[in-house]
Amino acid sequence: VLERMSDDGLSPNRRSWREALRSTQRAKQSDMADSIWDMAVNYKAKGDYIPFIPHSSDIELLLSVYVAELTTTSSHMERNALHRRVMALYEDLKECNPDRGFSYDSIRIDEFERNQYFMLAVLRACVSLEYHGESEDER
């Protein structure tokens, strides 16, 4: 859909980026979600375009894609990879990583630390990697 919009000369807006992410949640495809996230954050257009600046709800949506995909596999390797993504998301939030589109103007880490759903996913990822991590550094 995003390619079709581009072919038609249309620039995606916040709603189209979110809907693309939401479709990856339904499909339980975190690789695709990461790809769409990177496209949204790095998208450059000529003319009258409002850039995608992630808000809390967008980050929660990205996390929900990871959690949804976790329910589809029992493989420790696949689950570890998804848990590493959850941990990377949290670390990028804490550091306000501009490569992920995070800025102090639009994101407050204390909101996430009060969000039980978000922190439960992070804690589960920590515990899982502690017990099933592939290396000592990961544990």
C-alpha atoms as a PDB file:
ATOM      1  CA  VAL A   1       0.000   0.000   0.000  1.00  0.00           C
ATOM      2  CA  LEU A   2       2.813   2.395   0.888  1.00  0.00           C
ATOM      3  CA  GLU A   3       4.557   1.661  -2.413  1.00  0.00           C
ATOM      4  CA  ARG A   4       1.303   2.279  -4.274  1.00  0.00           C
ATOM      5  CA  MET A   5       0.910   5.611  -2.512  1.00  0.00           C
ATOM      6  CA  SER A   6       4.432   6.548  -3.513  1.00  0.00           C
ATOM      7  CA  ASP A   7       3.802   5.498  -7.120  1.00  0.00           C
ATOM      8  CA  ASP A   8       0.703   7.709  -7.156  1.00  0.00           C
ATOM      9  CA  GLY A   9       2.721  10.660  -5.853  1.00  0.00           C
ATOM     10  CA  LEU A  10       1.144  10.614  -2.390  1.00  0.00           C
ATOM     11  CA  SER A  11       3.135  10.969   0.797  1.00  0.00           C
ATOM     12  CA  PRO A  12       2.183   8.785   3.739  1.00  0.00           C
ATOM     13  CA  ASN A  13       0.883  10.569   6.805  1.00  0.00           C
ATOM     14  CA  ARG A  14       0.822   9.550  10.457  1.00  0.00           C
ATOM     15  CA  ARG A  15      -2.357   7.536  10.013  1.00  0.00           C
ATOM     16  CA  SER A  16      -1.003   5.526   7.073  1.00  0.00           C
ATOM     17  CA  TRP A  17       2.205   4.690   8.972  1.00  0.00           C
ATOM     18  CA  ARG A  18       0.174   3.545  11.984  1.00  0.00           C
ATOM     19  CA  GLU A  19      -2.153   1.447   9.847  1.00  0.00           C
ATOM     20  CA  ALA A  20       0.829  -0.207   8.191  1.00  0.00           C
ATOM     21  CA  LEU A  21       2.204  -1.016  11.662  1.00  0.00           C
ATOM     22  CA  ARG A  22      -1.197  -2.239  12.781  1.00  0.00           C
ATOM     23  CA  SER A  23      -1.340  -4.620   9.816  1.00  0.00           C
ATOM     24  CA  THR A  24       1.988  -6.132  10.897  1.00  0.00           C
ATOM     25  CA  GLN A  25       0.515  -6.638  14.350  1.00  0.00           C
ATOM     26  CA  ARG A  26      -2.398  -8.594  12.905  1.00  0.00           C
ATOM     27  CA  ALA A  27       0.019 -10.596  10.730  1.00  0.00           C
ATOM     28  CA  LYS A  28       2.398 -11.029  13.697  1.00  0.00           C
ATOM     29  CA  GLN A  29       5.377  -9.989  11.561  1.00  0.00           C
ATOM     30  CA  SER A  30       7.928  -8.074  13.623  1.00  0.00           C
ATOM     31  CA  ASP A  31      10.501  -7.984  10.796  1.00  0.00           C
ATOM     32  CA  MET A  32       8.006  -6.138   8.650  1.00  0.00           C
ATOM     33  CA  ALA A  33       7.110  -3.840  11.554  1.00  0.00           C
ATOM     34  CA  ASP A  34      10.767  -2.907  12.039  1.00  0.00           C
ATOM     35  CA  SER A  35      11.112  -2.264   8.326  1.00  0.00           C
ATOM     36  CA  ILE A  36       8.028  -0.018   8.272  1.00  0.00           C
ATOM     37  CA  TRP A  37       9.223   1.795  11.402  1.00  0.00           C
ATOM     38  CA  ASP A  38      12.596   2.514   9.787  1.00  0.00           C
ATOM     39  CA  MET A  39      10.904   3.683   6.592  1.00  0.00           C
ATOM     40  CA  ALA A  40       8.602   5.987   8.549  1.00  0.00           C
ATOM     41  CA  VAL A  41      11.378   7.519  10.628  1.00  0.00           C
ATOM     42  CA  ASN A  42      13.714   8.008   7.665  1.00  0.00           C
ATOM     43  CA  TYR A  43      11.115   8.995   5.058  1.00  0.00           C
ATOM     44  CA  LYS A  44      11.954  12.187   3.217  1.00  0.00           C
ATOM     45  CA  ALA A  45       9.566  13.858   0.833  1.00  0.00           C
ATOM     46  CA  LYS A  46       9.581  17.028  -1.149  1.00  0.00           C
ATOM     47  CA  GLY A  47       6.927  19.597  -0.612  1.00  0.00           C
ATOM     48  CA  ASP A  48       4.365  19.779   2.145  1.00  0.00           C
ATOM     49  CA  TYR A  49       5.124  16.717   4.247  1.00  0.00           C
ATOM     50  CA  ILE A  50       4.822  16.249   8.011  1.00  0.00           C
ATOM     51  CA  PRO A  51       7.499  13.813   9.229  1.00  0.00           C
ATOM     52  CA  PHE A  52       6.614  10.803  11.349  1.00  0.00           C
ATOM     53  CA  ILE A  53       7.561  11.577  14.941  1.00  0.00           C
ATOM     54  CA  PRO A  54       6.812   8.590  17.167  1.00  0.00           C
ATOM     55  CA  HIS A  55       4.575   9.109  20.167  1.00  0.00           C
ATOM     56  CA  SER A  56       3.946   6.779  23.081  1.00  0.00           C
ATOM     57  CA  SER A  57       1.060   5.038  21.339  1.00  0.00           C
ATOM     58  CA  ASP A  58       3.255   4.296  18.308  1.00  0.00           C
ATOM     59  CA  ILE A  59       5.941   2.719  20.464  1.00  0.00           C
ATOM     60  CA  GLU A  60       3.344   0.657  22.308  1.00  0.00           C
ATOM     61  CA  LEU A  61       2.037  -0.509  18.929  1.00  0.00           C
ATOM     62  CA  LEU A  62       5.538  -1.581  17.867  1.00  0.00           C
ATOM     63  CA  LEU A  63       5.976  -3.448  21.155  1.00  0.00           C
ATOM     64  CA  SER A  64       2.618  -5.154  20.671  1.00  0.00           C
ATOM     65  CA  VAL A  65       3.843  -6.523  17.328  1.00  0.00           C
ATOM     66  CA  TYR A  66       6.801  -8.155  19.113  1.00  0.00           C
ATOM     67  CA  VAL A  67       4.523  -9.567  21.813  1.00  0.00           C
ATOM     68  CA  ALA A  68       2.032 -10.840  19.226  1.00  0.00           C
ATOM     69  CA  GLU A  69       4.755 -12.673  17.347  1.00  0.00           C
ATOM     70  CA  LEU A  70       6.008 -14.235  20.589  1.00  0.00           C
ATOM     71  CA  THR A  71       2.707 -16.107  20.795  1.00  0.00           C
ATOM     72  CA  THR A  72       3.351 -17.816  17.452  1.00  0.00           C
ATOM     73  CA  THR A  73       6.543 -19.686  18.314  1.00  0.00           C
ATOM     74  CA  SER A  74       7.924 -21.982  20.967  1.00  0.00           C
ATOM     75  CA  SER A  75      11.456 -21.987  19.533  1.00  0.00           C
ATOM     76  CA  HIS A  76      13.926 -20.609  22.076  1.00  0.00           C
ATOM     77  CA  MET A  77      16.059 -19.079  19.341  1.00  0.00           C
ATOM     78  CA  GLU A  78      13.135 -17.205  17.790  1.00  0.00           C
ATOM     79  CA  ARG A  79      11.815 -16.137  21.179  1.00  0.00           C
ATOM     80  CA  ASN A  80      15.283 -14.913  22.200  1.00  0.00           C
ATOM     81  CA  ALA A  81      15.503 -12.838  19.017  1.00  0.00           C
ATOM     82  CA  LEU A  82      12.136 -11.239  19.788  1.00  0.00           C
ATOM     83  CA  HIS A  83      13.100 -10.645  23.405  1.00  0.00           C
ATOM     84  CA  ARG A  84      16.306  -8.962  22.244  1.00  0.00           C
ATOM     85  CA  ARG A  85      14.145  -6.653  20.119  1.00  0.00           C
ATOM     86  CA  VAL A  86      12.017  -5.778  23.137  1.00  0.00           C
ATOM     87  CA  MET A  87      15.166  -5.023  25.139  1.00  0.00           C
ATOM     88  CA  ALA A  88      16.657  -2.967  22.304  1.00  0.00           C
ATOM     89  CA  LEU A  89      13.445  -0.950  22.059  1.00  0.00           C
ATOM     90  CA  TYR A  90      13.549  -0.209  25.788  1.00  0.00           C
ATOM     91  CA  GLU A  91      17.252   0.704  25.702  1.00  0.00           C
ATOM     92  CA  ASP A  92      16.704   2.972  22.703  1.00  0.00           C
ATOM     93  CA  LEU A  93      13.852   4.641  24.594  1.00  0.00           C
ATOM     94  CA  LYS A  94      16.015   5.200  27.657  1.00  0.00           C
ATOM     95  CA  GLU A  95      18.757   6.711  25.519  1.00  0.00           C
ATOM     96  CA  CYS A  96      16.246   8.559  23.320  1.00  0.00           C
ATOM     97  CA  ASN A  97      17.978   7.152  20.230  1.00  0.00           C
ATOM     98  CA  PRO A  98      17.418   9.536  17.303  1.00  0.00           C
ATOM     99  CA  ASP A  99      18.048   6.700  14.806  1.00  0.00           C
ATOM    100  CA  ARG A 100      14.766   5.173  15.990  1.00  0.00           C
ATOM    101  CA  GLY A 101      13.033   8.550  15.713  1.00  0.00           C
ATOM    102  CA  PHE A 102      12.939   9.182  19.460  1.00  0.00           C
ATOM    103  CA  SER A 103      13.298  12.676  20.837  1.00  0.00           C
ATOM    104  CA  TYR A 104      12.863  14.192  24.257  1.00  0.00           C
ATOM    105  CA  ASP A 105      10.158  16.442  22.822  1.00  0.00           C
ATOM    106  CA  SER A 106       7.781  13.600  21.990  1.00  0.00           C
ATOM    107  CA  ILE A 107       8.798  10.772  24.364  1.00  0.00           C
ATOM    108  CA  ARG A 108       8.934  10.557  28.134  1.00  0.00           C
ATOM    109  CA  ILE A 109      10.520   7.418  29.551  1.00  0.00           C
ATOM    110  CA  ASP A 110       8.647   7.790  32.849  1.00  0.00           C
ATOM    111  CA  GLU A 111       5.360   7.257  30.959  1.00  0.00           C
ATOM    112  CA  PHE A 112       6.621   3.886  29.808  1.00  0.00           C
ATOM    113  CA  GLU A 113       7.977   2.953  33.199  1.00  0.00           C
ATOM    114  CA  ARG A 114       4.484   3.507  34.629  1.00  0.00           C
ATOM    115  CA  ASN A 115       2.899   1.501  31.805  1.00  0.00           C
ATOM    116  CA  GLN A 116       2.339  -1.997  33.196  1.00  0.00           C
ATOM    117  CA  TYR A 117       1.881  -3.647  29.787  1.00  0.00           C
ATOM    118  CA  PHE A 118       5.134  -2.188  28.481  1.00  0.00           C
ATOM    119  CA  MET A 119       7.210  -2.944  31.564  1.00  0.00           C
ATOM    120  CA  LEU A 120       5.804  -6.472  31.876  1.00  0.00           C
ATOM    121  CA  ALA A 121       6.993  -7.195  28.332  1.00  0.00           C
ATOM    122  CA  VAL A 122      10.434  -5.791  29.183  1.00  0.00           C
ATOM    123  CA  LEU A 123      10.643  -7.820  32.404  1.00  0.00           C
ATOM    124  CA  ARG A 124       9.586 -11.003  30.619  1.00  0.00           C
ATOM    125  CA  ALA A 125      12.263 -10.378  28.015  1.00  0.00           C
ATOM    126  CA  CYS A 126      14.895  -9.858  30.736  1.00  0.00           C
ATOM    127  CA  VAL A 127      13.941 -13.033  32.562  1.00  0.00           C
ATOM    128  CA  SER A 128      13.763 -15.084  29.393  1.00  0.00           C
ATOM    129  CA  LEU A 129      17.169 -13.911  28.221  1.00  0.00           C
ATOM    130  CA  GLU A 130      18.591 -14.550  31.690  1.00  0.00           C
ATOM    131  CA  TYR A 131      17.496 -18.186  31.587  1.00  0.00           C
ATOM    132  CA  HIS A 132      17.701 -18.923  27.871  1.00  0.00           C
ATOM    133  CA  GLY A 133      20.276 -16.441  26.578  1.00  0.00           C
ATOM    134  CA  GLU A 134      22.722 -17.809  24.071  1.00  0.00           C
ATOM    135  CA  SER A 135      25.837 -16.210  25.585  1.00  0.00           C
ATOM    136  CA  GLU A 136      27.159 -15.148  28.946  1.00  0.00           C
ATOM    137  CA  ASP A 137      27.029 -11.476  27.890  1.00  0.00           C
ATOM    138  CA  GLU A 138      23.352 -11.815  27.149  1.00  0.00           C
ATOM    139  CA  ARG A 139      22.688 -13.264  30.557  1.00  0.00           C
END
